Amino acid sequence: MEETKCPLCGRMLADPMVRHYLVPLSQGGNGTNTIMMHKVCHNKVHSLFNEKEIARTYTSVEKILENEEIQKFVNWVKKKPLDFYDGSMKAKK
């Protein structure tokens, strides 16, 4: 996938965007692969999965996209403006 597109939703990247560690730093992810994502997409991943779940199960975009809740989110967010951001999503502890 092109680096100018969000690997989660497939839309062109635009601010606000953040770097997502496929293995969270708290789980030993320093020096591991990262991807740029829209902030709203990143927040959705972290609202559904805690860092241990991400490190154990969701270490690739393909694995994240297999989740039904992520699929519903992607279908919803792909209709939003590129700079859409929903600050109401909170990270799962």
PDB file of N, CA and C in Angstrom:
ATOM      1  N   MET A   1       0.849  -1.181   0.000  1.00  0.00           N
ATOM      2  CA  MET A   1       0.000   0.000   0.000  1.00  0.00           C
ATOM      3  C   MET A   1       0.892   1.240   0.000  1.00  0.00           C
ATOM      4  N   GLU A   2       0.473   2.269  -0.690  1.00  0.00           N
ATOM      5  CA  GLU A   2       1.261   3.488  -0.771  1.00  0.00           C
ATOM      6  C   GLU A   2       1.426   4.109   0.617  1.00  0.00           C
ATOM      7  N   GLU A   3       2.599   4.699   0.821  1.00  0.00           N
ATOM      8  CA  GLU A   3       2.869   5.306   2.112  1.00  0.00           C
ATOM      9  C   GLU A   3       2.025   6.555   2.346  1.00  0.00           C
ATOM     10  N   THR A   4       1.468   7.143   1.291  1.00  0.00           N
ATOM     11  CA  THR A   4       0.650   8.333   1.439  1.00  0.00           C
ATOM     12  C   THR A   4      -0.785   8.000   1.839  1.00  0.00           C
ATOM     13  N   LYS A   5      -1.092   6.719   1.950  1.00  0.00           N
ATOM     14  CA  LYS A   5      -2.430   6.299   2.366  1.00  0.00           C
ATOM     15  C   LYS A   5      -2.377   5.676   3.749  1.00  0.00           C
ATOM     16  N   CYS A   6      -3.442   5.872   4.499  1.00  0.00           N
ATOM     17  CA  CYS A   6      -3.568   5.239   5.810  1.00  0.00           C
ATOM     18  C   CYS A   6      -3.758   3.741   5.583  1.00  0.00           C
ATOM     19  N   PRO A   7      -2.923   2.914   6.180  1.00  0.00           N
ATOM     20  CA  PRO A   7      -3.045   1.477   5.953  1.00  0.00           C
ATOM     21  C   PRO A   7      -4.318   0.877   6.546  1.00  0.00           C
ATOM     22  N   LEU A   8      -4.962   1.582   7.474  1.00  0.00           N
ATOM     23  CA  LEU A   8      -6.178   1.044   8.070  1.00  0.00           C
ATOM     24  C   LEU A   8      -7.404   1.355   7.209  1.00  0.00           C
ATOM     25  N   CYS A   9      -7.620   2.643   6.916  1.00  0.00           N
ATOM     26  CA  CYS A   9      -8.839   3.023   6.195  1.00  0.00           C
ATOM     27  C   CYS A   9      -8.634   3.176   4.694  1.00  0.00           C
ATOM     28  N   GLY A  10      -7.376   3.278   4.245  1.00  0.00           N
ATOM     29  CA  GLY A  10      -7.101   3.402   2.823  1.00  0.00           C
ATOM     30  C   GLY A  10      -7.244   4.804   2.265  1.00  0.00           C
ATOM     31  N   ARG A  11      -7.632   5.767   3.115  1.00  0.00           N
ATOM     32  CA  ARG A  11      -7.757   7.154   2.655  1.00  0.00           C
ATOM     33  C   ARG A  11      -6.376   7.812   2.631  1.00  0.00           C
ATOM     34  N   MET A  12      -6.245   8.870   1.849  1.00  0.00           N
ATOM     35  CA  MET A  12      -4.999   9.626   1.815  1.00  0.00           C
ATOM     36  C   MET A  12      -4.710  10.154   3.220  1.00  0.00           C
ATOM     37  N   LEU A  13      -3.445  10.100   3.629  1.00  0.00           N
ATOM     38  CA  LEU A  13      -3.067  10.606   4.946  1.00  0.00           C
ATOM     39  C   LEU A  13      -3.180  12.124   4.989  1.00  0.00           C
ATOM     40  N   ALA A  14      -3.651  12.631   6.105  1.00  0.00           N
ATOM     41  CA  ALA A  14      -3.769  14.058   6.348  1.00  0.00           C
ATOM     42  C   ALA A  14      -3.695  14.266   7.852  1.00  0.00           C
ATOM     43  N   ASP A  15      -3.287  15.443   8.266  1.00  0.00           N
ATOM     44  CA  ASP A  15      -3.262  15.744   9.702  1.00  0.00           C
ATOM     45  C   ASP A  15      -4.685  15.770  10.231  1.00  0.00           C
ATOM     46  N   PRO A  16      -4.907  15.314  11.446  1.00  0.00           N
ATOM     47  CA  PRO A  16      -3.917  14.785  12.369  1.00  0.00           C
ATOM     48  C   PRO A  16      -3.597  13.314  12.079  1.00  0.00           C
ATOM     49  N   MET A  17      -2.307  13.009  12.067  1.00  0.00           N
ATOM     50  CA  MET A  17      -1.866  11.626  11.881  1.00  0.00           C
ATOM     51  C   MET A  17      -0.771  11.318  12.892  1.00  0.00           C
ATOM     52  N   VAL A  18      -0.599  10.036  13.172  1.00  0.00           N
ATOM     53  CA  VAL A  18       0.369   9.602  14.182  1.00  0.00           C
ATOM     54  C   VAL A  18       1.072   8.328  13.717  1.00  0.00           C
ATOM     55  N   ARG A  19       2.193   8.042  14.350  1.00  0.00           N
ATOM     56  CA  ARG A  19       2.950   6.817  14.078  1.00  0.00           C
ATOM     57  C   ARG A  19       2.432   5.722  15.018  1.00  0.00           C
ATOM     58  N   HIS A  20       2.063   4.588  14.444  1.00  0.00           N
ATOM     59  CA  HIS A  20       1.571   3.447  15.216  1.00  0.00           C
ATOM     60  C   HIS A  20       2.655   2.380  15.258  1.00  0.00           C
ATOM     61  N   TYR A  21       3.012   1.951  16.453  1.00  0.00           N
ATOM     62  CA  TYR A  21       3.959   0.849  16.622  1.00  0.00           C
ATOM     63  C   TYR A  21       3.188  -0.457  16.533  1.00  0.00           C
ATOM     64  N   LEU A  22       3.551  -1.324  15.591  1.00  0.00           N
ATOM     65  CA  LEU A  22       2.865  -2.606  15.451  1.00  0.00           C
ATOM     66  C   LEU A  22       3.077  -3.481  16.681  1.00  0.00           C
ATOM     67  N   VAL A  23       4.181  -3.278  17.379  1.00  0.00           N
ATOM     68  CA  VAL A  23       4.395  -3.844  18.707  1.00  0.00           C
ATOM     69  C   VAL A  23       4.583  -2.630  19.620  1.00  0.00           C
ATOM     70  N   PRO A  24       3.652  -2.375  20.534  1.00  0.00           N
ATOM     71  CA  PRO A  24       3.734  -1.184  21.376  1.00  0.00           C
ATOM     72  C   PRO A  24       5.066  -1.086  22.131  1.00  0.00           C
ATOM     73  N   LEU A  25       5.500   0.149  22.338  1.00  0.00           N
ATOM     74  CA  LEU A  25       6.751   0.378  23.066  1.00  0.00           C
ATOM     75  C   LEU A  25       6.728  -0.285  24.434  1.00  0.00           C
ATOM     76  N   SER A  26       5.586  -0.247  25.098  1.00  0.00           N
ATOM     77  CA  SER A  26       5.482  -0.844  26.434  1.00  0.00           C
ATOM     78  C   SER A  26       5.624  -2.359  26.417  1.00  0.00           C
ATOM     79  N   GLN A  27       5.529  -2.947  25.225  1.00  0.00           N
ATOM     80  CA  GLN A  27       5.625  -4.401  25.071  1.00  0.00           C
ATOM     81  C   GLN A  27       6.893  -4.801  24.326  1.00  0.00           C
ATOM     82  N   GLY A  28       7.893  -3.918  24.333  1.00  0.00           N
ATOM     83  CA  GLY A  28       9.171  -4.231  23.700  1.00  0.00           C
ATOM     84  C   GLY A  28       9.259  -3.828  22.241  1.00  0.00           C
ATOM     85  N   GLY A  29       8.453  -2.877  21.813  1.00  0.00           N
ATOM     86  CA  GLY A  29       8.401  -2.488  20.412  1.00  0.00           C
ATOM     87  C   GLY A  29       9.447  -1.509  19.939  1.00  0.00           C
ATOM     88  N   ASN A  30      10.357  -1.086  20.801  1.00  0.00           N
ATOM     89  CA  ASN A  30      11.390  -0.147  20.377  1.00  0.00           C
ATOM     90  C   ASN A  30      12.213  -0.762  19.246  1.00  0.00           C
ATOM     91  N   GLY A  31      12.315  -0.051  18.118  1.00  0.00           N
ATOM     92  CA  GLY A  31      13.070  -0.551  16.979  1.00  0.00           C
ATOM     93  C   GLY A  31      12.273  -1.459  16.061  1.00  0.00           C
ATOM     94  N   THR A  32      10.982  -1.670  16.340  1.00  0.00           N
ATOM     95  CA  THR A  32      10.150  -2.521  15.488  1.00  0.00           C
ATOM     96  C   THR A  32       9.431  -1.665  14.447  1.00  0.00           C
ATOM     97  N   ASN A  33       8.722  -2.299  13.538  1.00  0.00           N
ATOM     98  CA  ASN A  33       8.028  -1.602  12.458  1.00  0.00           C
ATOM     99  C   ASN A  33       6.960  -0.655  12.978  1.00  0.00           C
ATOM    100  N   THR A  34       6.867   0.487  12.303  1.00  0.00           N
ATOM    101  CA  THR A  34       5.824   1.464  12.592  1.00  0.00           C
ATOM    102  C   THR A  34       5.131   1.839  11.288  1.00  0.00           C
ATOM    103  N   ILE A  35       3.920   2.362  11.421  1.00  0.00           N
ATOM    104  CA  ILE A  35       3.173   2.841  10.262  1.00  0.00           C
ATOM    105  C   ILE A  35       2.513   4.155  10.624  1.00  0.00           C
ATOM    106  N   MET A  36       2.357   5.023   9.642  1.00  0.00           N
ATOM    107  CA  MET A  36       1.636   6.270   9.853  1.00  0.00           C
ATOM    108  C   MET A  36       0.154   6.009   9.619  1.00  0.00           C
ATOM    109  N   MET A  37      -0.676   6.557  10.513  1.00  0.00           N
ATOM    110  CA  MET A  37      -2.130   6.383  10.423  1.00  0.00           C
ATOM    111  C   MET A  37      -2.801   7.704  10.764  1.00  0.00           C
ATOM    112  N   HIS A  38      -4.042   7.873  10.298  1.00  0.00           N
ATOM    113  CA  HIS A  38      -4.849   8.982  10.794  1.00  0.00           C
ATOM    114  C   HIS A  38      -4.978   8.816  12.304  1.00  0.00           C
ATOM    115  N   LYS A  39      -5.010   9.907  13.018  1.00  0.00           N
ATOM    116  CA  LYS A  39      -5.160   9.844  14.476  1.00  0.00           C
ATOM    117  C   LYS A  39      -6.456   9.140  14.854  1.00  0.00           C
ATOM    118  N   VAL A  40      -7.533   9.380  14.128  1.00  0.00           N
ATOM    119  CA  VAL A  40      -8.809   8.744  14.445  1.00  0.00           C
ATOM    120  C   VAL A  40      -8.725   7.226  14.259  1.00  0.00           C
ATOM    121  N   CYS A  41      -7.978   6.772  13.259  1.00  0.00           N
ATOM    122  CA  CYS A  41      -7.812   5.321  13.035  1.00  0.00           C
ATOM    123  C   CYS A  41      -6.960   4.713  14.141  1.00  0.00           C
ATOM    124  N   HIS A  42      -5.889   5.409  14.493  1.00  0.00           N
ATOM    125  CA  HIS A  42      -5.004   4.958  15.573  1.00  0.00           C
ATOM    126  C   HIS A  42      -5.780   4.861  16.885  1.00  0.00           C
ATOM    127  N   ASN A  43      -6.571   5.881  17.174  1.00  0.00           N
ATOM    128  CA  ASN A  43      -7.348   5.878  18.412  1.00  0.00           C
ATOM    129  C   ASN A  43      -8.353   4.734  18.434  1.00  0.00           C
ATOM    130  N   LYS A  44      -8.923   4.403  17.288  1.00  0.00           N
ATOM    131  CA  LYS A  44      -9.884   3.296  17.248  1.00  0.00           C
ATOM    132  C   LYS A  44      -9.193   1.986  17.605  1.00  0.00           C
ATOM    133  N   VAL A  45      -8.011   1.747  17.049  1.00  0.00           N
ATOM    134  CA  VAL A  45      -7.262   0.530  17.370  1.00  0.00           C
ATOM    135  C   VAL A  45      -7.034   0.452  18.880  1.00  0.00           C
ATOM    136  N   HIS A  46      -6.583   1.557  19.468  1.00  0.00           N
ATOM    137  CA  HIS A  46      -6.268   1.549  20.899  1.00  0.00           C
ATOM    138  C   HIS A  46      -7.511   1.595  21.789  1.00  0.00           C
ATOM    139  N   SER A  47      -8.655   1.961  21.237  1.00  0.00           N
ATOM    140  CA  SER A  47      -9.892   1.920  22.027  1.00  0.00           C
ATOM    141  C   SER A  47     -10.453   0.495  22.096  1.00  0.00           C
ATOM    142  N   LEU A  48     -10.095  -0.327  21.119  1.00  0.00           N
ATOM    143  CA  LEU A  48     -10.590  -1.710  21.085  1.00  0.00           C
ATOM    144  C   LEU A  48      -9.649  -2.704  21.746  1.00  0.00           C
ATOM    145  N   PHE A  49      -8.344  -2.453  21.655  1.00  0.00           N
ATOM    146  CA  PHE A  49      -7.351  -3.419  22.120  1.00  0.00           C
ATOM    147  C   PHE A  49      -6.375  -2.762  23.078  1.00  0.00           C
ATOM    148  N   ASN A  50      -6.032  -3.467  24.160  1.00  0.00           N
ATOM    149  CA  ASN A  50      -4.987  -2.932  25.029  1.00  0.00           C
ATOM    150  C   ASN A  50      -3.630  -3.284  24.417  1.00  0.00           C
ATOM    151  N   GLU A  51      -2.562  -2.747  24.985  1.00  0.00           N
ATOM    152  CA  GLU A  51      -1.240  -2.921  24.380  1.00  0.00           C
ATOM    153  C   GLU A  51      -0.767  -4.373  24.388  1.00  0.00           C
ATOM    154  N   LYS A  52      -1.160  -5.137  25.387  1.00  0.00           N
ATOM    155  CA  LYS A  52      -0.799  -6.556  25.397  1.00  0.00           C
ATOM    156  C   LYS A  52      -1.503  -7.297  24.261  1.00  0.00           C
ATOM    157  N   GLU A  53      -2.785  -6.976  24.026  1.00  0.00           N
ATOM    158  CA  GLU A  53      -3.520  -7.607  22.921  1.00  0.00           C
ATOM    159  C   GLU A  53      -2.894  -7.252  21.574  1.00  0.00           C
ATOM    160  N   ILE A  54      -2.507  -5.989  21.429  1.00  0.00           N
ATOM    161  CA  ILE A  54      -1.876  -5.560  20.182  1.00  0.00           C
ATOM    162  C   ILE A  54      -0.585  -6.349  19.965  1.00  0.00           C
ATOM    163  N   ALA A  55       0.249  -6.438  20.996  1.00  0.00           N
ATOM    164  CA  ALA A  55       1.535  -7.136  20.887  1.00  0.00           C
ATOM    165  C   ALA A  55       1.356  -8.633  20.635  1.00  0.00           C
ATOM    166  N   ARG A  56       0.308  -9.205  21.188  1.00  0.00           N
ATOM    167  CA  ARG A  56       0.090 -10.652  21.090  1.00  0.00           C
ATOM    168  C   ARG A  56      -0.635 -11.038  19.793  1.00  0.00           C
ATOM    169  N   THR A  57      -1.612 -10.233  19.375  1.00  0.00           N
ATOM    170  CA  THR A  57      -2.502 -10.651  18.298  1.00  0.00           C
ATOM    171  C   THR A  57      -2.509  -9.730  17.081  1.00  0.00           C
ATOM    172  N   TYR A  58      -2.381  -8.439  17.295  1.00  0.00           N
ATOM    173  CA  TYR A  58      -2.605  -7.469  16.217  1.00  0.00           C
ATOM    174  C   TYR A  58      -1.310  -6.778  15.779  1.00  0.00           C
ATOM    175  N   THR A  59      -0.329  -7.566  15.360  1.00  0.00           N
ATOM    176  CA  THR A  59       0.991  -7.046  15.019  1.00  0.00           C
ATOM    177  C   THR A  59       1.150  -6.711  13.533  1.00  0.00           C
ATOM    178  N   SER A  60       0.069  -6.756  12.785  1.00  0.00           N
ATOM    179  CA  SER A  60       0.108  -6.353  11.372  1.00  0.00           C
ATOM    180  C   SER A  60      -1.220  -5.688  11.025  1.00  0.00           C
ATOM    181  N   VAL A  61      -1.199  -4.883   9.982  1.00  0.00           N
ATOM    182  CA  VAL A  61      -2.427  -4.235   9.517  1.00  0.00           C
ATOM    183  C   VAL A  61      -3.444  -5.293   9.118  1.00  0.00           C
ATOM    184  N   GLU A  62      -2.978  -6.343   8.472  1.00  0.00           N
ATOM    185  CA  GLU A  62      -3.888  -7.405   8.031  1.00  0.00           C
ATOM    186  C   GLU A  62      -4.624  -8.024   9.218  1.00  0.00           C
ATOM    187  N   LYS A  63      -3.916  -8.272  10.305  1.00  0.00           N
ATOM    188  CA  LYS A  63      -4.558  -8.861  11.490  1.00  0.00           C
ATOM    189  C   LYS A  63      -5.530  -7.878  12.135  1.00  0.00           C
ATOM    190  N   ILE A  64      -5.171  -6.602  12.163  1.00  0.00           N
ATOM    191  CA  ILE A  64      -6.079  -5.588  12.709  1.00  0.00           C
ATOM    192  C   ILE A  64      -7.356  -5.549  11.875  1.00  0.00           C
ATOM    193  N   LEU A  65      -7.204  -5.578  10.555  1.00  0.00           N
ATOM    194  CA  LEU A  65      -8.355  -5.479   9.652  1.00  0.00           C
ATOM    195  C   LEU A  65      -9.263  -6.708   9.696  1.00  0.00           C
ATOM    196  N   GLU A  66      -8.808  -7.813  10.255  1.00  0.00           N
ATOM    197  CA  GLU A  66      -9.647  -9.000  10.390  1.00  0.00           C
ATOM    198  C   GLU A  66     -10.721  -8.819  11.465  1.00  0.00           C
ATOM    199  N   ASN A  67     -10.520  -7.870  12.370  1.00  0.00           N
ATOM    200  CA  ASN A  67     -11.455  -7.653  13.471  1.00  0.00           C
ATOM    201  C   ASN A  67     -12.749  -7.018  12.962  1.00  0.00           C
ATOM    202  N   GLU A  68     -13.877  -7.562  13.367  1.00  0.00           N
ATOM    203  CA  GLU A  68     -15.189  -7.096  12.895  1.00  0.00           C
ATOM    204  C   GLU A  68     -15.461  -5.640  13.274  1.00  0.00           C
ATOM    205  N   GLU A  69     -15.094  -5.249  14.485  1.00  0.00           N
ATOM    206  CA  GLU A  69     -15.317  -3.856  14.909  1.00  0.00           C
ATOM    207  C   GLU A  69     -14.469  -2.891  14.086  1.00  0.00           C
ATOM    208  N   ILE A  70     -13.254  -3.279  13.750  1.00  0.00           N
ATOM    209  CA  ILE A  70     -12.395  -2.449  12.896  1.00  0.00           C
ATOM    210  C   ILE A  70     -13.011  -2.340  11.508  1.00  0.00           C
ATOM    211  N   GLN A  71     -13.530  -3.435  10.977  1.00  0.00           N
ATOM    212  CA  GLN A  71     -14.161  -3.408   9.655  1.00  0.00           C
ATOM    213  C   GLN A  71     -15.344  -2.440   9.639  1.00  0.00           C
ATOM    214  N   LYS A  72     -16.163  -2.469  10.685  1.00  0.00           N
ATOM    215  CA  LYS A  72     -17.301  -1.536  10.783  1.00  0.00           C
ATOM    216  C   LYS A  72     -16.801  -0.105  10.835  1.00  0.00           C
ATOM    217  N   PHE A  73     -15.747   0.130  11.634  1.00  0.00           N
ATOM    218  CA  PHE A  73     -15.174   1.466  11.754  1.00  0.00           C
ATOM    219  C   PHE A  73     -14.654   1.956  10.402  1.00  0.00           C
ATOM    220  N   VAL A  74     -13.909   1.119   9.691  1.00  0.00           N
ATOM    221  CA  VAL A  74     -13.344   1.503   8.396  1.00  0.00           C
ATOM    222  C   VAL A  74     -14.454   1.869   7.418  1.00  0.00           C
ATOM    223  N   ASN A  75     -15.525   1.076   7.373  1.00  0.00           N
ATOM    224  CA  ASN A  75     -16.651   1.392   6.489  1.00  0.00           C
ATOM    225  C   ASN A  75     -17.281   2.728   6.836  1.00  0.00           C
ATOM    226  N   TRP A  76     -17.284   3.082   8.111  1.00  0.00           N
ATOM    227  CA  TRP A  76     -17.847   4.346   8.561  1.00  0.00           C
ATOM    228  C   TRP A  76     -16.892   5.504   8.282  1.00  0.00           C
ATOM    229  N   VAL A  77     -15.629   5.365   8.658  1.00  0.00           N
ATOM    230  CA  VAL A  77     -14.687   6.492   8.592  1.00  0.00           C
ATOM    231  C   VAL A  77     -14.269   6.821   7.159  1.00  0.00           C
ATOM    232  N   LYS A  78     -14.331   5.871   6.243  1.00  0.00           N
ATOM    233  CA  LYS A  78     -13.890   6.162   4.878  1.00  0.00           C
ATOM    234  C   LYS A  78     -14.792   7.183   4.183  1.00  0.00           C
ATOM    235  N   LYS A  79     -15.954   7.473   4.770  1.00  0.00           N
ATOM    236  CA  LYS A  79     -16.868   8.476   4.222  1.00  0.00           C
ATOM    237  C   LYS A  79     -16.620   9.862   4.823  1.00  0.00           C
ATOM    238  N   LYS A  80     -15.714   9.939   5.786  1.00  0.00           N
ATOM    239  CA  LYS A  80     -15.427  11.198   6.480  1.00  0.00           C
ATOM    240  C   LYS A  80     -14.335  11.979   5.750  1.00  0.00           C
ATOM    241  N   PRO A  81     -14.265  13.301   6.003  1.00  0.00           N
ATOM    242  CA  PRO A  81     -13.175  14.098   5.428  1.00  0.00           C
ATOM    243  C   PRO A  81     -11.820  13.571   5.916  1.00  0.00           C
ATOM    244  N   LEU A  82     -10.779  13.777   5.130  1.00  0.00           N
ATOM    245  CA  LEU A  82      -9.456  13.260   5.460  1.00  0.00           C
ATOM    246  C   LEU A  82      -8.947  13.746   6.812  1.00  0.00           C
ATOM    247  N   ASP A  83      -9.319  14.953   7.197  1.00  0.00           N
ATOM    248  CA  ASP A  83      -8.838  15.518   8.465  1.00  0.00           C
ATOM    249  C   ASP A  83      -9.819  15.300   9.619  1.00  0.00           C
ATOM    250  N   PHE A  84     -10.809  14.428   9.427  1.00  0.00           N
ATOM    251  CA  PHE A  84     -11.788  14.135  10.485  1.00  0.00           C
ATOM    252  C   PHE A  84     -11.087  13.557  11.705  1.00  0.00           C
ATOM    253  N   TYR A  85     -11.503  14.037  12.871  1.00  0.00           N
ATOM    254  CA  TYR A  85     -10.961  13.508  14.123  1.00  0.00           C
ATOM    255  C   TYR A  85     -12.056  13.493  15.171  1.00  0.00           C
ATOM    256  N   ASP A  86     -12.189  12.375  15.866  1.00  0.00           N
ATOM    257  CA  ASP A  86     -13.162  12.203  16.940  1.00  0.00           C
ATOM    258  C   ASP A  86     -12.391  12.005  18.240  1.00  0.00           C
ATOM    259  N   GLY A  87     -12.356  13.015  19.071  1.00  0.00           N
ATOM    260  CA  GLY A  87     -11.594  12.953  20.308  1.00  0.00           C
ATOM    261  C   GLY A  87     -12.269  12.173  21.422  1.00  0.00           C
ATOM    262  N   SER A  88     -13.437  11.596  21.154  1.00  0.00           N
ATOM    263  CA  SER A  88     -14.161  10.902  22.222  1.00  0.00           C
ATOM    264  C   SER A  88     -13.671   9.469  22.461  1.00  0.00           C
ATOM    265  N   MET A  89     -12.872   8.909  21.545  1.00  0.00           N
ATOM    266  CA  MET A  89     -12.383   7.538  21.717  1.00  0.00           C
ATOM    267  C   MET A  89     -11.236   7.523  22.715  1.00  0.00           C
ATOM    268  N   LYS A  90     -11.347   6.686  23.696  1.00  0.00           N
ATOM    269  CA  LYS A  90     -10.325   6.576  24.729  1.00  0.00           C
ATOM    270  C   LYS A  90      -9.583   5.253  24.599  1.00  0.00           C
ATOM    271  N   ALA A  91      -8.303   5.263  24.904  1.00  0.00           N
ATOM    272  CA  ALA A  91      -7.489   4.057  24.815  1.00  0.00           C
ATOM    273  C   ALA A  91      -7.907   3.054  25.881  1.00  0.00           C
ATOM    274  N   LYS A  92      -7.861   1.786  25.519  1.00  0.00           N
ATOM    275  CA  LYS A  92      -8.166   0.708  26.454  1.00  0.00           C
ATOM    276  C   LYS A  92      -6.937   0.458  27.301  1.00  0.00           C
ATOM    277  N   LYS A  93      -7.106   0.383  28.574  1.00  0.00           N
ATOM    278  CA  LYS A  93      -5.954   0.190  29.490  1.00  0.00           C
ATOM    279  C   LYS A  93      -5.507  -1.246  29.551  1.00  0.00           C
TER     280      LYS A  93
END
